[in-house]
Protein backbone atom coordinates (compact mmCIF):
# COMPACT_ATOMS: atom_id res chain seq x y z
CA UNK A 1 -22.28 -43.97 97.14
CA UNK A 2 -21.62 -41.59 100.04
CA UNK A 3 -23.05 -43.15 103.01
CA UNK A 4 -21.71 -46.38 101.26
CA UNK A 5 -18.88 -44.74 102.29
CA UNK A 6 -18.61 -43.26 105.16
CA UNK A 7 -19.42 -46.26 107.00
CA UNK A 8 -16.34 -47.98 105.38
CA UNK A 9 -13.71 -45.17 106.56
CA UNK A 10 -15.72 -44.95 110.50
CA UNK A 11 -14.45 -47.95 112.04
CA UNK A 12 -10.58 -46.90 110.96
CA UNK A 13 -11.18 -43.58 111.66
CA UNK A 14 -12.09 -44.49 114.73
CA UNK A 15 -9.21 -46.71 115.20
CA UNK A 16 -7.22 -43.05 114.31
CA UNK A 17 -5.67 -45.28 111.35
CA UNK A 18 -6.92 -42.96 108.47
CA UNK A 19 -4.48 -40.68 106.82
CA UNK A 20 -4.18 -36.78 106.30
CA UNK A 21 -5.54 -37.33 103.49
CA UNK A 22 -8.05 -40.56 104.69
CA UNK A 23 -8.91 -37.77 107.67
CA UNK A 24 -9.46 -34.74 105.84
CA UNK A 25 -12.48 -37.17 103.27
CA UNK A 26 -13.93 -38.98 106.52
CA UNK A 27 -14.83 -34.85 107.48
CA UNK A 28 -15.71 -34.05 104.59
CA UNK A 29 -18.23 -36.73 104.00
CA UNK A 30 -19.16 -36.39 108.28
CA UNK A 31 -19.89 -32.43 108.28
CA UNK A 32 -21.27 -31.72 105.22
CA UNK A 33 -18.28 -29.36 104.21
CA UNK A 34 -18.03 -30.55 100.56
CA UNK A 35 -20.32 -30.65 97.81
CA UNK A 36 -20.41 -33.98 97.44
CA UNK A 37 -22.30 -34.45 94.24
CA UNK A 38 -20.40 -33.37 90.45
CA UNK A 39 -16.85 -32.81 91.07
CA UNK A 40 -16.55 -32.26 94.49
CA UNK A 41 -17.39 -36.22 94.31
CA UNK A 42 -15.13 -37.23 92.07
CA UNK A 43 -12.31 -35.28 92.93
CA UNK A 44 -13.28 -36.90 96.79
CA UNK A 45 -12.60 -40.28 95.05
CA UNK A 46 -9.48 -39.31 93.04
CA UNK A 47 -7.75 -38.00 97.10
CA UNK A 48 -9.42 -42.03 98.52
CA UNK A 49 -7.93 -43.48 95.73
CA UNK A 50 -5.05 -41.69 94.40
CA UNK A 51 -2.85 -43.04 97.37
CA UNK A 52 -1.83 -38.49 97.76
């Protein structure tokens, strides 16, 4: 799932069209700076889809 999310966000990130929250999520996915399982994954998905 995280791989698919990274693939989907990468073209938008390259064009610098991510929102501040999207940038943070993309950075966390690509840098591995966030636990991407359990609560970590759920919170990242919630941030992405909540529009916050």
